[in-house]
């Protein structure tokens, strides 16, 4: 009886987690939804980078978290981004674009119970190859990340197990590239072995 109950509740929990997941597949566009997490884990990368473009300025806060218990991809890293637009900016921000997500599974969300007044993107898109992810702040006449506002915490839970330094593009009528973090593809053991073998053969040929 107890075993049957545990099995039932296990199915219920798994079903709830799957229902909450917002997988962002290559070539797709979704509305960002709130989910639990990130939960626990260790921050293994962090940066706070001010930026200035001709028509706006602000700050990008980036983090990489290992061991996030709410990440649906076991062992994967979670990337978080928080974007603010300074109150002295002439214009709003329309788009925030990241790259280097090719080949990885991605769940996109923002945490439930975020700061009141933080701006949720109108949509999140991923290009056909899966490399680029864009958080869009598009209103009827102008961008929705207006001067003096900040985004909700943008959460990308991934299947990646390594990360690298990268650049994000922040865009309106002008644009600026800002330092951040992104997943890093780790070569398969066979691929790494072939590369090493090729390098060894090249060294041997030069010695001859």
C-alpha atoms as a PDB file:
ATOM      1  CA  UNK A   1       0.000   0.000   0.000  1.00  0.00           C
ATOM      2  CA  UNK A   2       2.754   2.446   1.021  1.00  0.00           C
ATOM      3  CA  UNK A   3       4.762   1.555  -2.064  1.00  0.00           C
ATOM      4  CA  UNK A   4       1.753   2.207  -4.282  1.00  0.00           C
ATOM      5  CA  UNK A   5       1.169   5.602  -2.628  1.00  0.00           C
ATOM      6  CA  UNK A   6       4.810   6.571  -3.068  1.00  0.00           C
ATOM      7  CA  UNK A   7       4.648   5.564  -6.718  1.00  0.00           C
ATOM      8  CA  UNK A   8       1.491   7.633  -7.180  1.00  0.00           C
ATOM      9  CA  UNK A   9       2.964  10.734  -5.559  1.00  0.00           C
ATOM     10  CA  UNK A  10       6.186  10.253  -7.515  1.00  0.00           C
ATOM     11  CA  UNK A  11       4.193  10.377 -10.744  1.00  0.00           C
ATOM     12  CA  UNK A  12       2.337  13.476  -9.532  1.00  0.00           C
ATOM     13  CA  UNK A  13       5.574  15.303  -8.666  1.00  0.00           C
ATOM     14  CA  UNK A  14       7.173  14.421 -11.984  1.00  0.00           C
ATOM     15  CA  UNK A  15       4.038  15.549 -13.798  1.00  0.00           C
ATOM     16  CA  UNK A  16       4.056  18.909 -12.013  1.00  0.00           C
ATOM     17  CA  UNK A  17       7.732  19.499 -12.812  1.00  0.00           C
ATOM     18  CA  UNK A  18       7.137  18.687 -16.488  1.00  0.00           C
ATOM     19  CA  UNK A  19       4.125  20.995 -16.587  1.00  0.00           C
ATOM     20  CA  UNK A  20       6.164  23.882 -15.180  1.00  0.00           C
ATOM     21  CA  UNK A  21       9.024  23.409 -17.632  1.00  0.00           C
ATOM     22  CA  UNK A  22       9.278  25.941 -20.489  1.00  0.00           C
ATOM     23  CA  UNK A  23      11.649  24.255 -22.918  1.00  0.00           C
ATOM     24  CA  UNK A  24      13.024  26.644 -25.536  1.00  0.00           C
ATOM     25  CA  UNK A  25      13.673  24.617 -28.670  1.00  0.00           C
ATOM     26  CA  UNK A  26      15.604  25.861 -31.736  1.00  0.00           C
ATOM     27  CA  UNK A  27      13.340  27.902 -34.013  1.00  0.00           C
ATOM     28  CA  UNK A  28      10.743  28.535 -31.287  1.00  0.00           C
ATOM     29  CA  UNK A  29       9.256  31.567 -29.548  1.00  0.00           C
ATOM     30  CA  UNK A  30       7.547  31.378 -26.154  1.00  0.00           C
ATOM     31  CA  UNK A  31       6.073  33.602 -23.466  1.00  0.00           C
ATOM     32  CA  UNK A  32       8.289  33.616 -20.398  1.00  0.00           C
ATOM     33  CA  UNK A  33       6.609  32.026 -17.368  1.00  0.00           C
ATOM     34  CA  UNK A  34       7.494  31.959 -13.678  1.00  0.00           C
ATOM     35  CA  UNK A  35       8.956  28.765 -12.219  1.00  0.00           C
ATOM     36  CA  UNK A  36      10.507  27.761  -8.890  1.00  0.00           C
ATOM     37  CA  UNK A  37      14.242  28.253  -8.724  1.00  0.00           C
ATOM     38  CA  UNK A  38      17.072  28.510  -9.082  1.00  0.00           C
ATOM     39  CA  UNK A  39      17.188  26.373  -5.927  1.00  0.00           C
ATOM     40  CA  UNK A  40      20.411  25.839  -3.996  1.00  0.00           C
ATOM     41  CA  UNK A  41      23.622  25.205  -5.861  1.00  0.00           C
ATOM     42  CA  UNK A  42      26.896  27.122  -5.983  1.00  0.00           C
ATOM     43  CA  UNK A  43      27.671  30.269  -7.980  1.00  0.00           C
ATOM     44  CA  UNK A  44      30.771  29.456 -10.052  1.00  0.00           C
ATOM     45  CA  UNK A  45      30.771  32.562 -12.247  1.00  0.00           C
ATOM     46  CA  UNK A  46      29.574  36.101 -11.565  1.00  0.00           C
ATOM     47  CA  UNK A  47      29.929  39.532 -13.160  1.00  0.00           C
ATOM     48  CA  UNK A  48      28.438  43.025 -12.913  1.00  0.00           C
ATOM     49  CA  UNK A  49      29.098  45.002 -16.094  1.00  0.00           C
ATOM     50  CA  UNK A  50      27.968  48.594 -16.782  1.00  0.00           C
ATOM     51  CA  UNK A  51      27.302  49.435 -20.426  1.00  0.00           C
ATOM     52  CA  UNK A  52      26.795  52.597 -22.481  1.00  0.00           C
ATOM     53  CA  UNK A  53      25.233  52.892 -25.938  1.00  0.00           C
ATOM     54  CA  UNK A  54      24.361  56.112 -27.808  1.00  0.00           C
ATOM     55  CA  UNK A  55      20.669  55.879 -26.795  1.00  0.00           C
ATOM     56  CA  UNK A  56      20.702  54.014 -23.469  1.00  0.00           C
ATOM     57  CA  UNK A  57      22.919  52.848 -20.614  1.00  0.00           C
ATOM     58  CA  UNK A  58      22.596  50.405 -17.758  1.00  0.00           C
ATOM     59  CA  UNK A  59      24.040  47.352 -16.025  1.00  0.00           C
ATOM     60  CA  UNK A  60      24.065  43.615 -16.744  1.00  0.00           C
ATOM     61  CA  UNK A  61      24.426  41.170 -13.837  1.00  0.00           C
ATOM     62  CA  UNK A  62      25.322  37.612 -14.920  1.00  0.00           C
ATOM     63  CA  UNK A  63      25.742  34.410 -12.895  1.00  0.00           C
ATOM     64  CA  UNK A  64      26.487  30.745 -13.519  1.00  0.00           C
ATOM     65  CA  UNK A  65      25.124  28.258 -10.986  1.00  0.00           C
ATOM     66  CA  UNK A  66      26.188  24.625 -10.558  1.00  0.00           C
ATOM     67  CA  UNK A  67      23.982  22.185  -8.661  1.00  0.00           C
ATOM     68  CA  UNK A  68      20.679  24.045  -9.127  1.00  0.00           C
ATOM     69  CA  UNK A  69      18.167  21.517  -7.759  1.00  0.00           C
ATOM     70  CA  UNK A  70      15.350  22.907  -9.924  1.00  0.00           C
ATOM     71  CA  UNK A  71      17.283  22.456 -13.189  1.00  0.00           C
ATOM     72  CA  UNK A  72      15.340  19.849 -15.216  1.00  0.00           C
ATOM     73  CA  UNK A  73      18.541  18.719 -16.973  1.00  0.00           C
ATOM     74  CA  UNK A  74      20.470  16.623 -14.437  1.00  0.00           C
ATOM     75  CA  UNK A  75      23.984  17.956 -13.877  1.00  0.00           C
ATOM     76  CA  UNK A  76      23.426  20.985 -16.116  1.00  0.00           C
ATOM     77  CA  UNK A  77      24.429  24.572 -15.399  1.00  0.00           C
ATOM     78  CA  UNK A  78      21.966  27.407 -14.800  1.00  0.00           C
ATOM     79  CA  UNK A  79      22.660  30.863 -16.264  1.00  0.00           C
ATOM     80  CA  UNK A  80      20.930  33.958 -14.859  1.00  0.00           C
ATOM     81  CA  UNK A  81      20.879  37.495 -16.252  1.00  0.00           C
ATOM     82  CA  UNK A  82      19.445  40.708 -14.829  1.00  0.00           C
ATOM     83  CA  UNK A  83      19.311  43.785 -17.042  1.00  0.00           C
ATOM     84  CA  UNK A  84      18.688  47.350 -15.905  1.00  0.00           C
ATOM     85  CA  UNK A  85      18.140  50.540 -17.925  1.00  0.00           C
ATOM     86  CA  UNK A  86      19.430  53.709 -16.238  1.00  0.00           C
ATOM     87  CA  UNK A  87      16.926  56.440 -15.435  1.00  0.00           C
ATOM     88  CA  UNK A  88      18.982  58.950 -17.463  1.00  0.00           C
ATOM     89  CA  UNK A  89      18.729  56.863 -20.654  1.00  0.00           C
ATOM     90  CA  UNK A  90      16.984  58.661 -23.537  1.00  0.00           C
ATOM     91  CA  UNK A  91      15.365  55.445 -24.842  1.00  0.00           C
ATOM     92  CA  UNK A  92      14.007  52.076 -23.696  1.00  0.00           C
ATOM     93  CA  UNK A  93      15.735  48.756 -24.428  1.00  0.00           C
ATOM     94  CA  UNK A  94      14.099  46.485 -27.033  1.00  0.00           C
ATOM     95  CA  UNK A  95      16.132  43.282 -27.048  1.00  0.00           C
ATOM     96  CA  UNK A  96      18.735  41.302 -25.101  1.00  0.00           C
ATOM     97  CA  UNK A  97      20.480  38.608 -27.170  1.00  0.00           C
ATOM     98  CA  UNK A  98      22.809  35.796 -26.056  1.00  0.00           C
ATOM     99  CA  UNK A  99      24.817  33.332 -28.128  1.00  0.00           C
ATOM    100  CA  UNK A 100      26.739  30.029 -27.816  1.00  0.00           C
ATOM    101  CA  UNK A 101      23.677  27.938 -26.873  1.00  0.00           C
ATOM    102  CA  UNK A 102      24.038  25.667 -29.928  1.00  0.00           C
ATOM    103  CA  UNK A 103      23.531  21.983 -29.110  1.00  0.00           C
ATOM    104  CA  UNK A 104      22.181  22.458 -25.578  1.00  0.00           C
ATOM    105  CA  UNK A 105      18.740  21.867 -24.071  1.00  0.00           C
ATOM    106  CA  UNK A 106      17.370  25.061 -22.500  1.00  0.00           C
ATOM    107  CA  UNK A 107      14.514  25.821 -20.110  1.00  0.00           C
ATOM    108  CA  UNK A 108      13.661  29.544 -19.949  1.00  0.00           C
ATOM    109  CA  UNK A 109      11.827  31.170 -17.025  1.00  0.00           C
ATOM    110  CA  UNK A 110      11.896  33.779 -14.283  1.00  0.00           C
ATOM    111  CA  UNK A 111      11.545  33.087 -10.543  1.00  0.00           C
ATOM    112  CA  UNK A 112       8.142  33.290  -8.910  1.00  0.00           C
ATOM    113  CA  UNK A 113       7.897  36.106  -6.384  1.00  0.00           C
ATOM    114  CA  UNK A 114      10.412  38.400  -8.082  1.00  0.00           C
ATOM    115  CA  UNK A 115      10.781  42.086  -7.328  1.00  0.00           C
ATOM    116  CA  UNK A 116       7.604  44.097  -7.772  1.00  0.00           C
ATOM    117  CA  UNK A 117       7.893  46.360 -10.803  1.00  0.00           C
ATOM    118  CA  UNK A 118      10.484  44.232 -12.592  1.00  0.00           C
ATOM    119  CA  UNK A 119       9.770  43.902 -16.308  1.00  0.00           C
ATOM    120  CA  UNK A 120       8.943  40.507 -17.864  1.00  0.00           C
ATOM    121  CA  UNK A 121       9.965  40.139 -21.552  1.00  0.00           C
ATOM    122  CA  UNK A 122       7.106  40.070 -24.043  1.00  0.00           C
ATOM    123  CA  UNK A 123       8.631  36.945 -25.612  1.00  0.00           C
ATOM    124  CA  UNK A 124      11.734  34.767 -25.757  1.00  0.00           C
ATOM    125  CA  UNK A 125      12.966  33.437 -29.105  1.00  0.00           C
ATOM    126  CA  UNK A 126      15.654  31.001 -30.218  1.00  0.00           C
ATOM    127  CA  UNK A 127      16.984  31.038 -33.751  1.00  0.00           C
ATOM    128  CA  UNK A 128      16.820  28.041 -36.083  1.00  0.00           C
ATOM    129  CA  UNK A 129      20.291  26.719 -35.274  1.00  0.00           C
ATOM    130  CA  UNK A 130      19.673  27.080 -31.536  1.00  0.00           C
ATOM    131  CA  UNK A 131      22.767  29.237 -31.067  1.00  0.00           C
ATOM    132  CA  UNK A 132      21.086  32.579 -30.236  1.00  0.00           C
ATOM    133  CA  UNK A 133      18.490  33.319 -27.568  1.00  0.00           C
ATOM    134  CA  UNK A 134      16.748  36.710 -27.482  1.00  0.00           C
ATOM    135  CA  UNK A 135      14.637  38.229 -24.713  1.00  0.00           C
ATOM    136  CA  UNK A 136      12.331  40.698 -26.440  1.00  0.00           C
ATOM    137  CA  UNK A 137      10.850  43.835 -24.852  1.00  0.00           C
ATOM    138  CA  UNK A 138       8.580  44.998 -27.656  1.00  0.00           C
ATOM    139  CA  UNK A 139       5.639  47.319 -27.021  1.00  0.00           C
ATOM    140  CA  UNK A 140       3.105  48.869 -29.388  1.00  0.00           C
ATOM    141  CA  UNK A 141       5.258  51.937 -30.066  1.00  0.00           C
ATOM    142  CA  UNK A 142       8.516  51.428 -28.154  1.00  0.00           C
ATOM    143  CA  UNK A 143      10.453  48.947 -26.046  1.00  0.00           C
ATOM    144  CA  UNK A 144       9.022  47.991 -22.665  1.00  0.00           C
ATOM    145  CA  UNK A 145      12.300  48.065 -20.671  1.00  0.00           C
ATOM    146  CA  UNK A 146      11.980  51.802 -20.176  1.00  0.00           C
ATOM    147  CA  UNK A 147      14.503  54.147 -18.497  1.00  0.00           C
ATOM    148  CA  UNK A 148      14.622  53.578 -14.748  1.00  0.00           C
ATOM    149  CA  UNK A 149      13.377  49.970 -14.962  1.00  0.00           C
ATOM    150  CA  UNK A 150      14.969  46.535 -14.554  1.00  0.00           C
ATOM    151  CA  UNK A 151      14.170  43.091 -15.921  1.00  0.00           C
ATOM    152  CA  UNK A 152      13.028  40.183 -13.833  1.00  0.00           C
ATOM    153  CA  UNK A 153      15.792  37.666 -13.180  1.00  0.00           C
ATOM    154  CA  UNK A 154      16.116  35.882 -16.534  1.00  0.00           C
ATOM    155  CA  UNK A 155      16.841  32.195 -15.926  1.00  0.00           C
ATOM    156  CA  UNK A 156      18.198  29.744 -18.514  1.00  0.00           C
ATOM    157  CA  UNK A 157      18.553  26.233 -17.108  1.00  0.00           C
ATOM    158  CA  UNK A 158      20.664  24.153 -19.495  1.00  0.00           C
ATOM    159  CA  UNK A 159      22.180  20.755 -20.164  1.00  0.00           C
ATOM    160  CA  UNK A 160      25.655  22.343 -20.453  1.00  0.00           C
ATOM    161  CA  UNK A 161      28.306  21.190 -17.978  1.00  0.00           C
ATOM    162  CA  UNK A 162      30.925  23.871 -18.739  1.00  0.00           C
ATOM    163  CA  UNK A 163      30.831  27.614 -19.412  1.00  0.00           C
ATOM    164  CA  UNK A 164      32.897  30.318 -21.070  1.00  0.00           C
ATOM    165  CA  UNK A 165      33.208  34.085 -21.276  1.00  0.00           C
ATOM    166  CA  UNK A 166      30.941  35.480 -23.965  1.00  0.00           C
ATOM    167  CA  UNK A 167      29.188  38.655 -25.138  1.00  0.00           C
ATOM    168  CA  UNK A 168      25.533  39.676 -25.083  1.00  0.00           C
ATOM    169  CA  UNK A 169      24.005  42.214 -27.470  1.00  0.00           C
ATOM    170  CA  UNK A 170      21.685  44.852 -25.985  1.00  0.00           C
ATOM    171  CA  UNK A 171      19.670  46.534 -28.714  1.00  0.00           C
ATOM    172  CA  UNK A 172      17.384  49.450 -29.516  1.00  0.00           C
ATOM    173  CA  UNK A 173      18.003  52.005 -32.293  1.00  0.00           C
ATOM    174  CA  UNK A 174      21.624  51.609 -31.177  1.00  0.00           C
ATOM    175  CA  UNK A 175      23.350  48.560 -29.690  1.00  0.00           C
ATOM    176  CA  UNK A 176      26.217  47.533 -27.441  1.00  0.00           C
ATOM    177  CA  UNK A 177      28.040  44.254 -26.734  1.00  0.00           C
ATOM    178  CA  UNK A 178      28.446  43.424 -23.049  1.00  0.00           C
ATOM    179  CA  UNK A 179      30.634  40.775 -21.377  1.00  0.00           C
ATOM    180  CA  UNK A 180      28.721  37.832 -19.901  1.00  0.00           C
ATOM    181  CA  UNK A 181      28.772  34.011 -19.676  1.00  0.00           C
ATOM    182  CA  UNK A 182      27.469  31.264 -21.971  1.00  0.00           C
ATOM    183  CA  UNK A 183      27.661  27.457 -22.271  1.00  0.00           C
ATOM    184  CA  UNK A 184      30.823  25.824 -23.554  1.00  0.00           C
ATOM    185  CA  UNK A 185      30.677  22.706 -25.706  1.00  0.00           C
ATOM    186  CA  UNK A 186      33.012  19.993 -24.415  1.00  0.00           C
ATOM    187  CA  UNK A 187      34.406  17.720 -27.179  1.00  0.00           C
ATOM    188  CA  UNK A 188      33.426  14.051 -27.077  1.00  0.00           C
ATOM    189  CA  UNK A 189      36.303  11.784 -25.908  1.00  0.00           C
ATOM    190  CA  UNK A 190      36.684  10.324 -29.411  1.00  0.00           C
ATOM    191  CA  UNK A 191      36.828  13.800 -30.964  1.00  0.00           C
ATOM    192  CA  UNK A 192      39.407  14.964 -28.422  1.00  0.00           C
ATOM    193  CA  UNK A 193      41.471  11.834 -29.084  1.00  0.00           C
ATOM    194  CA  UNK A 194      41.409  12.431 -32.847  1.00  0.00           C
ATOM    195  CA  UNK A 195      42.504  16.044 -32.371  1.00  0.00           C
ATOM    196  CA  UNK A 196      45.386  14.912 -30.137  1.00  0.00           C
ATOM    197  CA  UNK A 197      46.387  12.230 -32.620  1.00  0.00           C
ATOM    198  CA  UNK A 198      46.400  14.771 -35.451  1.00  0.00           C
ATOM    199  CA  UNK A 199      48.535  17.176 -33.421  1.00  0.00           C
ATOM    200  CA  UNK A 200      50.995  14.395 -32.553  1.00  0.00           C
ATOM    201  CA  UNK A 201      51.260  13.356 -36.209  1.00  0.00           C
ATOM    202  CA  UNK A 202      51.921  16.974 -37.216  1.00  0.00           C
ATOM    203  CA  UNK A 203      54.719  17.322 -34.640  1.00  0.00           C
ATOM    204  CA  UNK A 204      56.241  14.013 -35.765  1.00  0.00           C
ATOM    205  CA  UNK A 205      56.157  15.083 -39.433  1.00  0.00           C
ATOM    206  CA  UNK A 206      57.895  18.400 -38.599  1.00  0.00           C
ATOM    207  CA  UNK A 207      60.636  16.568 -36.693  1.00  0.00           C
ATOM    208  CA  UNK A 208      61.279  14.351 -39.721  1.00  0.00           C
END
